[in-house]
N, C-alpha and C. Protein backbone atom coordinates (compact mmCIF):
# COMPACT_ATOMS: atom_id res chain seq x y z
N PRO A 1 -12.64 -17.90 10.19
CA PRO A 1 -12.30 -16.54 10.41
C PRO A 1 -13.09 -15.59 9.53
N ARG A 2 -13.22 -14.36 9.99
CA ARG A 2 -13.87 -13.34 9.14
C ARG A 2 -12.82 -12.58 8.35
N VAL A 3 -13.19 -11.88 7.23
CA VAL A 3 -12.35 -11.10 6.43
C VAL A 3 -11.99 -9.85 7.35
N PRO A 4 -10.66 -9.44 7.33
CA PRO A 4 -10.32 -8.35 8.15
C PRO A 4 -10.91 -7.00 7.61
N ALA A 5 -10.91 -6.00 8.43
CA ALA A 5 -11.44 -4.74 8.07
C ALA A 5 -10.30 -4.06 7.13
N ALA A 6 -10.76 -3.29 6.18
CA ALA A 6 -9.82 -2.65 5.27
C ALA A 6 -9.09 -1.61 6.01
N PRO A 7 -7.81 -1.25 5.58
CA PRO A 7 -7.10 -0.20 6.13
C PRO A 7 -7.68 1.13 5.74
N ALA A 8 -7.54 2.14 6.51
CA ALA A 8 -8.10 3.49 6.22
C ALA A 8 -7.06 4.63 6.23
N GLY A 9 -7.36 5.63 5.59
CA GLY A 9 -6.53 6.83 5.67
C GLY A 9 -5.26 6.69 4.94
N LEU A 10 -5.12 6.00 3.86
CA LEU A 10 -3.86 5.77 3.14
C LEU A 10 -3.37 7.15 2.65
N ALA A 11 -2.14 7.42 2.91
CA ALA A 11 -1.46 8.69 2.48
C ALA A 11 -0.12 8.27 1.91
N ALA A 12 0.25 9.08 0.89
CA ALA A 12 1.55 8.83 0.29
C ALA A 12 2.31 10.13 0.13
N ARG A 13 3.64 10.08 0.23
CA ARG A 13 4.49 11.21 0.06
C ARG A 13 5.81 10.76 -0.55
N ALA A 14 6.28 11.50 -1.48
CA ALA A 14 7.56 11.25 -2.08
C ALA A 14 8.71 11.53 -1.09
N LEU A 15 9.61 10.70 -0.95
CA LEU A 15 10.76 10.96 -0.14
C LEU A 15 11.98 11.39 -0.89
N GLY A 16 11.82 11.40 -2.23
CA GLY A 16 12.90 11.87 -3.10
C GLY A 16 12.55 11.45 -4.54
N PRO A 17 13.46 11.42 -5.47
CA PRO A 17 13.12 11.05 -6.84
C PRO A 17 12.86 9.58 -7.02
N SER A 18 13.29 8.73 -6.11
CA SER A 18 13.20 7.30 -6.41
C SER A 18 12.54 6.59 -5.14
N ALA A 19 11.86 7.25 -4.21
CA ALA A 19 11.31 6.60 -3.03
C ALA A 19 10.01 7.28 -2.65
N VAL A 20 9.12 6.56 -2.09
CA VAL A 20 7.81 7.04 -1.54
C VAL A 20 7.60 6.33 -0.25
N GLU A 21 6.81 7.05 0.69
CA GLU A 21 6.41 6.42 1.91
C GLU A 21 4.89 6.43 1.95
N LEU A 22 4.28 5.25 2.31
CA LEU A 22 2.88 5.10 2.50
C LEU A 22 2.55 4.87 3.96
N THR A 23 1.54 5.52 4.39
CA THR A 23 1.03 5.42 5.83
C THR A 23 -0.44 5.14 5.82
N TRP A 24 -0.91 4.40 6.78
CA TRP A 24 -2.36 4.00 6.86
C TRP A 24 -2.75 3.70 8.36
N ARG A 25 -4.05 3.68 8.60
CA ARG A 25 -4.51 3.22 9.89
C ARG A 25 -4.94 1.67 9.80
N ASP A 26 -4.48 0.93 10.71
CA ASP A 26 -4.89 -0.49 10.82
C ASP A 26 -6.19 -0.58 11.59
N LEU A 27 -7.24 -0.93 10.90
CA LEU A 27 -8.50 -1.02 11.56
C LEU A 27 -9.03 -2.48 11.80
N SER A 28 -8.16 -3.35 11.51
CA SER A 28 -8.50 -4.85 11.73
C SER A 28 -7.77 -5.37 12.97
N ASP A 29 -8.31 -6.46 13.54
CA ASP A 29 -7.63 -7.10 14.61
C ASP A 29 -7.32 -8.56 14.29
N ASN A 30 -7.48 -8.99 13.05
CA ASN A 30 -7.36 -10.28 12.63
C ASN A 30 -6.59 -10.47 11.37
N GLU A 31 -5.82 -9.47 10.85
CA GLU A 31 -5.10 -9.67 9.59
C GLU A 31 -3.88 -10.55 9.83
N GLU A 32 -3.52 -11.33 8.80
CA GLU A 32 -2.27 -12.13 8.89
C GLU A 32 -1.14 -11.36 8.13
N GLU A 33 -1.41 -10.45 7.24
CA GLU A 33 -0.55 -9.67 6.56
C GLU A 33 -1.17 -8.45 5.87
N PHE A 34 -0.30 -7.53 5.54
CA PHE A 34 -0.76 -6.46 4.69
C PHE A 34 -0.09 -6.57 3.30
N ARG A 35 -0.71 -6.39 2.30
CA ARG A 35 -0.14 -6.36 0.95
C ARG A 35 -0.23 -4.96 0.23
N ILE A 36 0.95 -4.48 -0.21
CA ILE A 36 1.01 -3.20 -0.91
C ILE A 36 0.89 -3.62 -2.34
N GLU A 37 -0.03 -3.04 -3.09
CA GLU A 37 -0.21 -3.31 -4.50
C GLU A 37 -0.19 -1.97 -5.34
N GLN A 38 0.41 -2.15 -6.49
CA GLN A 38 0.51 -0.99 -7.42
C GLN A 38 -0.39 -1.20 -8.65
N LYS A 39 -1.12 -0.26 -9.09
CA LYS A 39 -1.99 -0.38 -10.17
C LYS A 39 -1.14 -0.47 -11.45
N ALA A 40 -1.45 -1.43 -12.31
CA ALA A 40 -0.76 -1.66 -13.55
C ALA A 40 -1.84 -1.81 -14.66
N GLY A 41 -2.22 -0.74 -15.34
CA GLY A 41 -3.32 -0.76 -16.29
C GLY A 41 -4.59 -0.92 -15.45
N LYS A 42 -5.33 -1.90 -15.69
CA LYS A 42 -6.64 -2.16 -15.05
C LYS A 42 -6.49 -3.18 -13.86
N THR A 43 -5.28 -3.70 -13.62
CA THR A 43 -5.01 -4.72 -12.60
C THR A 43 -4.17 -4.17 -11.51
N TRP A 44 -4.02 -4.93 -10.46
CA TRP A 44 -3.17 -4.53 -9.32
C TRP A 44 -2.16 -5.61 -9.28
N ARG A 45 -0.88 -5.27 -9.02
CA ARG A 45 0.20 -6.23 -8.74
C ARG A 45 0.87 -5.97 -7.38
N GLN A 46 1.13 -7.05 -6.78
CA GLN A 46 1.82 -7.03 -5.40
C GLN A 46 3.21 -6.51 -5.45
N VAL A 47 3.53 -5.64 -4.68
CA VAL A 47 4.93 -5.07 -4.60
C VAL A 47 5.62 -5.31 -3.24
N LEU A 48 4.83 -5.57 -2.24
CA LEU A 48 5.40 -5.72 -0.82
C LEU A 48 4.42 -6.43 0.07
N VAL A 49 4.89 -7.29 0.96
CA VAL A 49 4.12 -7.87 1.96
C VAL A 49 4.64 -7.46 3.31
N LEU A 50 3.78 -7.13 4.18
CA LEU A 50 4.15 -6.61 5.57
C LEU A 50 3.38 -7.47 6.59
N PRO A 51 4.02 -7.48 7.81
CA PRO A 51 3.36 -8.26 8.93
C PRO A 51 2.19 -7.55 9.49
N PRO A 52 1.31 -8.31 10.25
CA PRO A 52 0.24 -7.74 10.97
C PRO A 52 0.63 -6.57 11.77
N GLY A 53 -0.23 -5.60 11.83
CA GLY A 53 0.04 -4.45 12.79
C GLY A 53 0.79 -3.28 12.01
N ALA A 54 1.34 -3.59 10.78
CA ALA A 54 2.11 -2.55 10.14
C ALA A 54 1.20 -1.35 9.80
N THR A 55 1.77 -0.17 9.78
CA THR A 55 1.05 1.05 9.42
C THR A 55 1.79 1.95 8.54
N SER A 56 2.94 1.50 8.07
CA SER A 56 3.66 2.35 7.01
C SER A 56 4.55 1.39 6.25
N ALA A 57 4.99 1.96 5.11
CA ALA A 57 5.90 1.15 4.20
C ALA A 57 6.71 2.15 3.43
N ARG A 58 7.99 1.95 3.10
CA ARG A 58 8.73 2.72 2.21
C ARG A 58 9.11 1.85 0.97
N LEU A 59 8.82 2.42 -0.25
CA LEU A 59 9.13 1.84 -1.53
C LEU A 59 10.20 2.60 -2.10
N ALA A 60 11.32 1.86 -2.52
CA ALA A 60 12.51 2.55 -3.13
C ALA A 60 12.66 1.88 -4.55
N GLY A 61 13.65 2.51 -5.26
CA GLY A 61 13.95 2.07 -6.59
C GLY A 61 12.94 2.53 -7.63
N LEU A 62 12.24 3.57 -7.42
CA LEU A 62 11.20 4.01 -8.26
C LEU A 62 11.86 4.89 -9.25
N ARG A 63 11.17 5.15 -10.39
CA ARG A 63 11.68 6.01 -11.48
C ARG A 63 11.35 7.53 -11.05
N PRO A 64 12.35 8.39 -11.17
CA PRO A 64 12.12 9.80 -10.94
C PRO A 64 11.07 10.32 -11.92
N ASP A 65 10.37 11.35 -11.50
CA ASP A 65 9.39 12.07 -12.27
C ASP A 65 8.32 11.06 -12.81
N SER A 66 7.84 10.26 -12.06
CA SER A 66 6.81 9.23 -12.39
C SER A 66 5.56 9.23 -11.39
N THR A 67 4.56 8.78 -11.90
CA THR A 67 3.25 8.81 -11.00
C THR A 67 2.87 7.31 -10.89
N ALA A 68 2.50 6.85 -9.70
CA ALA A 68 1.98 5.56 -9.43
C ALA A 68 0.78 5.60 -8.45
N THR A 69 -0.07 4.55 -8.56
CA THR A 69 -1.22 4.42 -7.69
C THR A 69 -1.02 3.17 -6.86
N TYR A 70 -1.26 3.29 -5.58
CA TYR A 70 -1.03 2.22 -4.68
C TYR A 70 -2.25 1.93 -3.76
N ARG A 71 -2.43 0.78 -3.24
CA ARG A 71 -3.40 0.47 -2.31
C ARG A 71 -2.88 -0.56 -1.33
N VAL A 72 -3.41 -0.58 -0.10
CA VAL A 72 -3.01 -1.49 0.89
C VAL A 72 -4.19 -2.42 1.20
N SER A 73 -4.00 -3.74 1.23
CA SER A 73 -5.02 -4.73 1.59
C SER A 73 -4.55 -5.50 2.84
N ALA A 74 -5.61 -5.59 3.77
CA ALA A 74 -5.43 -6.50 4.90
C ALA A 74 -5.93 -7.85 4.55
N ARG A 75 -5.12 -8.87 4.79
CA ARG A 75 -5.50 -10.31 4.35
C ARG A 75 -5.44 -11.26 5.42
N ASN A 76 -6.21 -12.22 5.29
CA ASN A 76 -6.09 -13.48 6.10
C ASN A 76 -6.69 -14.60 5.45
N ALA A 77 -6.84 -15.75 5.97
CA ALA A 77 -7.26 -16.94 5.32
C ALA A 77 -8.73 -16.80 4.79
N ALA A 78 -9.46 -15.94 5.35
CA ALA A 78 -10.94 -15.75 4.86
C ALA A 78 -11.00 -14.79 3.64
N GLY A 79 -9.91 -13.99 3.43
CA GLY A 79 -9.95 -13.13 2.21
C GLY A 79 -9.19 -11.87 2.41
N ALA A 80 -9.38 -10.88 1.59
CA ALA A 80 -8.60 -9.70 1.50
C ALA A 80 -9.58 -8.51 1.55
N ALA A 81 -9.22 -7.48 2.16
CA ALA A 81 -10.01 -6.16 2.20
C ALA A 81 -9.04 -4.99 1.74
N PRO A 82 -9.17 -4.58 0.59
CA PRO A 82 -8.36 -3.45 0.05
C PRO A 82 -8.88 -2.11 0.54
N GLY A 83 -8.08 -1.21 0.98
CA GLY A 83 -8.43 0.11 1.20
C GLY A 83 -8.49 1.03 -0.03
N PRO A 84 -8.94 2.21 0.05
CA PRO A 84 -8.99 3.08 -1.15
C PRO A 84 -7.49 3.39 -1.61
N PRO A 85 -7.41 3.60 -2.93
CA PRO A 85 -6.06 3.87 -3.45
C PRO A 85 -5.66 5.25 -3.24
N VAL A 86 -4.32 5.47 -3.49
CA VAL A 86 -3.76 6.79 -3.43
C VAL A 86 -2.68 6.95 -4.57
N THR A 87 -2.66 8.18 -5.16
CA THR A 87 -1.66 8.38 -6.23
C THR A 87 -0.57 9.33 -5.76
N VAL A 88 0.62 8.97 -6.14
CA VAL A 88 1.76 9.88 -5.70
C VAL A 88 2.74 9.99 -6.88
N ARG A 89 3.36 11.16 -6.94
CA ARG A 89 4.35 11.46 -8.00
C ARG A 89 5.74 11.68 -7.37
N THR A 90 6.76 11.04 -7.98
CA THR A 90 8.03 11.27 -7.55
C THR A 90 8.63 12.45 -8.24
N PRO A 91 9.48 13.24 -7.64
CA PRO A 91 10.08 14.52 -8.29
C PRO A 91 11.23 14.07 -9.20
N ARG A 92 11.61 15.06 -10.13
CA ARG A 92 12.73 14.85 -10.91
C ARG A 92 13.98 14.77 -10.07
N LYS A 93 15.12 14.30 -10.65
CA LYS A 93 16.29 14.22 -9.91
C LYS A 93 16.86 15.64 -9.62
């Protein structure tokens, strides 16, 4: 198999002080899953796995008044293709 195309157009918006919504365009036709990753220092850590064809995710349980950077990767047995990251800030309570 070939590595899937990276997702495009990642956007993030705060849904409140403890939740955000991520949306993107699925440009691949052969992904097995999408992985949502959050930047932690210089590395990325997985926070959610979604099925093929997904184009949005809601992340809850976040700290109010905090900033985080996320990216979405399309993955299959051949490898992963991360899209560009996006940064979002949650409001205060």
